[in-house]
Each structure stands twice: as C-alpha cells, then as structure tokens.
Protein backbone atom coordinates (compact mmCIF):
# COMPACT_ATOMS: atom_id res chain seq x y z
CA MET A 1 -121.22 36.08 -37.24
CA THR A 2 -120.69 32.85 -35.28
CA ASP A 3 -121.79 32.04 -31.80
CA ASP A 4 -118.10 32.01 -30.76
CA ASP A 5 -117.62 35.57 -32.16
CA LEU A 6 -120.60 36.80 -30.16
CA ARG A 7 -119.57 34.89 -27.00
CA GLY A 8 -116.11 36.46 -27.23
CA ALA A 9 -117.65 39.97 -27.73
CA ILE A 10 -119.95 39.47 -24.68
CA LEU A 11 -117.19 38.16 -22.51
CA ALA A 12 -114.89 41.01 -23.46
CA GLN A 13 -117.47 43.68 -22.87
CA VAL A 14 -118.56 42.16 -19.45
CA ALA A 15 -114.92 41.94 -18.38
CA ARG A 16 -114.49 45.64 -19.05
CA LEU A 17 -117.44 46.59 -16.73
CA ARG A 18 -116.68 48.09 -13.38
CA PRO A 19 -117.99 45.95 -10.51
CA GLY A 20 -121.69 46.54 -9.93
CA THR A 21 -122.39 47.98 -13.44
CA THR A 22 -124.19 46.51 -16.38
CA CYS A 23 -124.41 46.99 -20.09
CA CYS A 24 -127.14 46.65 -22.75
CA PRO A 25 -126.60 43.99 -25.37
CA SER A 26 -127.13 46.75 -28.02
CA LEU A 27 -123.74 48.13 -26.98
CA ILE A 28 -122.13 44.91 -28.03
CA ALA A 29 -124.04 44.67 -31.26
CA ARG A 30 -123.17 48.21 -32.21
CA ASP A 31 -119.48 47.54 -31.68
CA LEU A 32 -119.73 44.45 -33.95
CA ALA A 33 -121.68 45.75 -36.95
CA GLU A 34 -122.91 48.97 -38.60
CA ASP A 35 -126.23 47.16 -39.13
CA TRP A 36 -126.37 46.03 -35.50
CA ARG A 37 -130.20 45.24 -35.08
CA PRO A 38 -130.12 41.83 -36.73
CA LEU A 39 -127.55 40.75 -34.03
CA MET A 40 -129.88 41.55 -31.18
CA ASP A 41 -131.81 38.32 -31.08
CA PRO A 42 -128.80 35.98 -31.43
CA LEU A 43 -126.95 38.10 -28.79
CA ARG A 44 -129.88 37.87 -26.40
CA ARG A 45 -130.33 34.18 -26.83
CA LEU A 46 -126.55 33.55 -26.31
CA ALA A 47 -126.41 35.85 -23.25
CA LEU A 48 -129.27 33.94 -21.65
CA ARG A 49 -127.56 30.58 -22.43
CA MET A 50 -124.24 32.00 -20.99
CA ALA A 51 -126.12 33.13 -17.84
CA ALA A 52 -127.52 29.58 -17.40
CA GLU A 53 -124.15 28.16 -17.75
CA GLY A 54 -122.91 30.59 -15.05
CA ASP A 55 -120.58 32.65 -17.32
CA ILE A 56 -122.34 36.02 -16.83
CA ALA A 57 -125.43 37.52 -15.14
CA VAL A 58 -128.46 38.65 -17.13
CA LEU A 59 -130.59 41.20 -15.25
CA GLN A 60 -133.83 43.10 -15.38
CA LYS A 61 -134.36 45.88 -12.86
CA GLY A 62 -131.20 44.71 -11.10
CA LEU A 63 -132.49 41.12 -10.57
CA PRO A 64 -131.47 37.92 -12.34
CA VAL A 65 -133.93 36.89 -14.97
CA GLY A 66 -135.31 33.43 -15.90
CA PRO A 67 -134.81 31.63 -19.22
CA ASP A 68 -137.40 33.61 -21.17
CA PRO A 69 -137.51 37.27 -20.08
CA ARG A 70 -139.79 39.86 -21.69
CA GLY A 71 -138.48 43.35 -22.23
CA PRO A 72 -134.97 44.87 -21.95
CA ILE A 73 -132.18 42.94 -20.33
CA ARG A 74 -128.72 44.04 -19.03
CA LEU A 75 -125.52 42.08 -18.98
CA ALA A 76 -123.21 41.95 -15.96
CA ARG A 77 -120.37 40.11 -14.31
CA ARG A 78 -121.49 37.01 -12.26
CA ARG A 79 -122.20 38.03 -8.69
C-alpha cells in the first residue's frame, strides 16, 4: 500500500464526515485491509503530515495536536 493509496483513503473518509465529526484512523485501515493493524503506523504518520500541510485536522480530545502526539488521535475536516 503506497502513501498515495493511504492519502486517497484518508481524504475520502474525511470528506464523508459530517461537519463537526471525527473518525479514528483504524476505520480507514479496516476499510483497506483485513489485516489492518500494520497500516496504523503509516496512516498515523501520513495523517500528521497531511495536518501539517493543512489538508486535514488531527485532534486529541477535540483539540489540534502537535507533530508527535501520544495516544489516540482522531481525523477531521480542516476547521
């Protein structure tokens, strides 16, 4: 799975979200592969890069996160 594949999947899922809602990166990973856990680290890294580029928002407890968050993250449309 390439970064372009993952980027497309992230953008597609975020575009489907209702305004003000978020999704877990695991939802995207589960849609992409039966054995989805190996996709989590690449998805997380790419989502953080996409947030830094302004494509999406990455949140923890409803707040934007920095470049190296610890713990669960959520993906959302840019605010």
